[in-house]
Amino acid sequence: MSDLLARMTARREVTPVTITDVALSAIAREALRSVDGLETGGILLGDDATDGIVIRHAGGPGPKATRGERTFMRDLDHARRLADSAWSEDRSQWIGEWHTHPTGGLSPSEVDLHSYMRHLHDPELGFDKFVAIIAGFDSSARVVVATWLVERDRIVAVVPERLPTAPAVNSPYASDAVRHAAFVADEHKETP
């Protein structure tokens, strides 16, 4: 664990996080592109209310995104269009980002942490907290994800509650990516 990550891990009440099956499915489908060894990702859209965070939508990288072995730069115009659409649909707003670590672990890298801190300290963005999801592959090549709640002075692994939306995960219409997506948090839980 990096020094920055170790310094930021602390015990305190954690804001509950919920994710819709639609958002999880979008992440799982796009994450499969990383079998080529290059990172991909997108924005997370939803609601950050006093009683918890709801992730309703997960965007893809966009056509002008830059993908590398250890880097990912989303297509900003694409992200803005997704955010505008989500706002019109259900008042969702930008609450975080997700990306893959195709060959590494599911913990944020130093580059990831610095990026999250830039967002949190940018007064124009107005973030108090930032949700980060990192996707990768297990030994069976299934998509697995870890969800992180990032605040100015700490980062905590969280296990989001699933918020089923049609089609449900156990529905015959759900994608294989949804059925195989799993949350991996035990190895990332806070340590005393």
Protein backbone atom coordinates (compact mmCIF):
# COMPACT_ATOMS: atom_id res chain seq x y z
CA MET A 1 0.00 0.00 0.00
CA SER A 2 1.37 3.43 -0.88
CA ASP A 3 2.29 5.91 1.86
CA LEU A 4 -0.44 8.29 0.70
CA LEU A 5 -3.01 5.50 0.73
CA ALA A 6 -1.86 4.33 4.18
CA ARG A 7 -2.03 7.89 5.61
CA MET A 8 -5.52 8.39 4.24
CA THR A 9 -7.00 5.14 5.57
CA ALA A 10 -8.80 5.90 8.83
CA ARG A 11 -11.71 4.63 10.89
CA ARG A 12 -14.81 6.85 10.77
CA GLU A 13 -18.40 6.50 9.72
CA VAL A 14 -18.58 5.76 6.01
CA THR A 15 -21.20 7.23 3.69
CA PRO A 16 -23.32 4.40 2.25
CA VAL A 17 -22.95 3.85 -1.50
CA THR A 18 -25.51 2.23 -3.80
CA ILE A 19 -25.04 1.30 -7.47
CA THR A 20 -27.70 0.40 -10.03
CA ASP A 21 -27.41 -2.76 -12.08
CA VAL A 22 -27.47 -0.52 -15.16
CA ALA A 23 -24.31 1.30 -14.02
CA LEU A 24 -22.59 -1.93 -12.95
CA SER A 25 -23.45 -3.54 -16.28
CA ALA A 26 -22.00 -0.58 -18.20
CA ILE A 27 -18.75 -0.84 -16.23
CA ALA A 28 -18.51 -4.61 -16.70
CA ARG A 29 -19.18 -4.41 -20.44
CA GLU A 30 -16.64 -1.64 -21.05
CA ALA A 31 -14.06 -3.18 -18.70
CA LEU A 32 -13.93 -6.24 -20.96
CA ARG A 33 -12.19 -4.03 -23.54
CA SER A 34 -9.17 -4.03 -21.23
CA VAL A 35 -8.33 -7.60 -22.14
CA ASP A 36 -6.06 -5.85 -24.67
CA GLY A 37 -3.94 -4.66 -21.71
CA LEU A 38 -4.97 -1.00 -22.03
CA GLU A 39 -6.93 0.94 -19.42
CA THR A 40 -10.42 2.23 -20.11
CA GLY A 41 -13.02 3.97 -17.97
CA GLY A 42 -15.56 6.72 -17.69
CA ILE A 43 -17.52 8.96 -15.36
CA LEU A 44 -19.96 8.00 -12.62
CA LEU A 45 -23.22 9.92 -12.42
CA GLY A 46 -25.80 9.91 -9.67
CA ASP A 47 -26.67 11.65 -6.44
CA ASP A 48 -24.61 12.55 -3.37
CA ALA A 49 -27.25 13.16 -0.69
CA THR A 50 -26.90 13.42 3.08
CA ASP A 51 -28.14 9.84 3.52
CA GLY A 52 -25.79 8.30 0.94
CA ILE A 53 -24.47 8.19 -2.58
CA VAL A 54 -26.38 6.56 -5.44
CA ILE A 55 -24.52 5.68 -8.65
CA ARG A 56 -27.17 5.58 -11.38
CA HIS A 57 -25.06 5.77 -14.55
CA ALA A 58 -21.54 4.82 -15.61
CA GLY A 59 -20.25 6.34 -18.81
CA GLY A 60 -17.79 4.89 -21.27
CA PRO A 61 -14.52 6.47 -22.40
CA GLY A 62 -15.78 8.26 -25.51
CA PRO A 63 -14.39 8.16 -29.04
CA LYS A 64 -11.50 10.57 -28.36
CA ALA A 65 -10.30 8.87 -25.15
CA THR A 66 -6.64 7.95 -24.81
CA ARG A 67 -5.94 4.47 -23.48
CA GLY A 68 -2.54 3.28 -22.28
CA GLU A 69 -1.07 0.41 -20.25
CA ARG A 70 -1.11 2.49 -17.06
CA THR A 71 -3.06 5.58 -18.10
CA PHE A 72 -6.49 6.56 -19.23
CA MET A 73 -7.75 9.98 -20.31
CA ARG A 74 -11.47 10.17 -20.94
CA ASP A 75 -13.00 12.11 -23.83
CA LEU A 76 -14.11 15.25 -21.99
CA ASP A 77 -16.73 16.28 -24.59
CA HIS A 78 -18.25 12.79 -24.44
CA ALA A 79 -18.33 12.93 -20.62
CA ARG A 80 -20.06 16.33 -20.73
CA ARG A 81 -22.72 15.02 -23.12
CA LEU A 82 -23.33 12.01 -20.84
CA ALA A 83 -23.59 14.29 -17.80
CA ASP A 84 -26.05 16.60 -19.59
CA SER A 85 -28.18 13.62 -20.64
CA ALA A 86 -28.20 12.11 -17.13
CA TRP A 87 -29.12 15.49 -15.62
CA SER A 88 -32.05 15.80 -18.03
CA GLU A 89 -33.16 12.22 -17.37
CA ASP A 90 -33.06 12.07 -13.57
CA ARG A 91 -31.00 14.99 -12.22
CA SER A 92 -27.89 12.80 -11.86
CA GLN A 93 -24.62 14.66 -11.62
CA TRP A 94 -20.92 13.81 -11.70
CA ILE A 95 -19.99 11.98 -8.48
CA GLY A 96 -16.88 10.07 -9.51
CA GLU A 97 -15.01 8.03 -12.06
CA TRP A 98 -14.22 4.46 -12.84
CA HIS A 99 -11.34 2.90 -14.76
CA THR A 100 -9.58 -0.39 -15.22
CA HIS A 101 -6.29 -1.76 -13.98
CA PRO A 102 -5.95 -4.58 -16.52
CA THR A 103 -2.65 -5.89 -15.15
CA GLY A 104 -2.59 -4.53 -11.62
CA GLY A 105 -4.52 -4.64 -8.38
CA LEU A 106 -7.75 -2.92 -7.56
CA SER A 107 -6.21 -0.30 -5.26
CA PRO A 108 -5.76 3.28 -6.50
CA SER A 109 -2.28 4.06 -7.79
CA GLU A 110 -0.38 7.19 -6.73
CA VAL A 111 -1.44 8.76 -10.05
CA ASP A 112 -5.08 7.87 -9.29
CA LEU A 113 -4.89 9.35 -5.78
CA HIS A 114 -3.38 12.61 -7.01
CA SER A 115 -6.08 12.87 -9.68
CA TYR A 116 -8.82 12.35 -7.07
CA MET A 117 -7.22 14.97 -4.80
CA ARG A 118 -7.12 17.49 -7.67
CA HIS A 119 -10.87 17.00 -8.15
CA LEU A 120 -11.59 17.31 -4.42
CA HIS A 121 -9.54 20.48 -4.04
CA ASP A 122 -10.88 22.22 -7.15
CA PRO A 123 -13.38 24.79 -5.79
CA GLU A 124 -15.21 24.97 -9.13
CA LEU A 125 -16.12 21.27 -8.89
CA GLY A 126 -17.44 21.49 -5.33
CA PHE A 127 -16.73 17.88 -4.31
CA ASP A 128 -16.79 16.88 -0.63
CA LYS A 129 -16.26 13.26 -1.58
CA PHE A 130 -15.48 11.39 -4.76
CA VAL A 131 -16.40 7.83 -5.73
CA ALA A 132 -13.73 5.80 -7.53
CA ILE A 133 -14.33 2.34 -8.97
CA ILE A 134 -11.39 0.29 -10.22
CA ALA A 135 -12.13 -2.75 -12.36
CA GLY A 136 -9.87 -5.64 -13.22
CA PHE A 137 -10.00 -9.37 -13.85
CA ASP A 138 -9.93 -12.35 -11.51
CA SER A 139 -8.05 -15.58 -12.26
CA SER A 140 -11.00 -16.78 -14.37
CA ALA A 141 -10.90 -13.58 -16.48
CA ARG A 142 -14.17 -12.33 -14.97
CA VAL A 143 -14.59 -8.62 -14.32
CA VAL A 144 -14.19 -7.68 -10.65
CA VAL A 145 -14.43 -4.22 -9.15
CA ALA A 146 -13.41 -2.40 -6.00
CA THR A 147 -15.19 0.77 -4.96
CA TRP A 148 -13.42 3.54 -3.08
CA LEU A 149 -14.88 6.55 -1.30
CA VAL A 150 -12.32 9.35 -1.43
CA GLU A 151 -12.43 12.35 0.88
CA ARG A 152 -9.86 15.11 1.38
CA ASP A 153 -8.23 13.31 4.30
CA ARG A 154 -8.96 9.63 3.74
CA ILE A 155 -9.85 6.88 1.30
CA VAL A 156 -12.00 3.91 2.27
CA ALA A 157 -12.93 0.74 0.42
CA VAL A 158 -16.71 0.34 0.39
CA VAL A 159 -19.03 -2.42 -0.76
CA PRO A 160 -21.96 -0.75 -2.50
CA GLU A 161 -25.48 -2.02 -2.12
CA ARG A 162 -26.98 -3.16 -5.41
CA LEU A 163 -30.03 -1.26 -6.60
CA PRO A 164 -31.77 -3.55 -9.08
CA THR A 165 -33.17 -1.95 -12.20
CA ALA A 166 -34.77 -3.74 -15.11
CA PRO A 167 -33.53 -6.15 -16.23
CA ALA A 168 -32.56 -7.64 -12.88
CA VAL A 169 -29.24 -9.45 -12.53
CA ASN A 170 -30.97 -12.84 -12.35
CA SER A 171 -33.14 -12.04 -15.36
CA PRO A 172 -32.51 -14.01 -18.56
CA TYR A 173 -32.17 -10.59 -20.24
CA ALA A 174 -29.26 -9.47 -18.06
CA SER A 175 -25.90 -9.54 -19.75
CA ASP A 176 -23.25 -12.11 -18.88
CA ALA A 177 -21.09 -9.18 -17.82
CA VAL A 178 -23.59 -8.27 -15.09
CA ARG A 179 -23.93 -11.85 -13.91
CA HIS A 180 -20.13 -12.19 -13.70
CA ALA A 181 -19.33 -8.79 -12.22
CA ALA A 182 -18.36 -9.17 -8.56
CA PHE A 183 -17.37 -6.79 -5.81
CA VAL A 184 -13.94 -7.55 -4.35
CA ALA A 185 -13.53 -5.67 -1.12
CA ASP A 186 -12.29 -8.11 1.53
CA GLU A 187 -8.65 -7.52 0.63
CA HIS A 188 -9.24 -3.76 0.61
CA LYS A 189 -11.14 -3.35 3.87
CA GLU A 190 -9.88 -0.89 6.44
CA THR A 191 -7.34 -2.29 8.86
CA PRO A 192 -7.35 -1.29 12.54
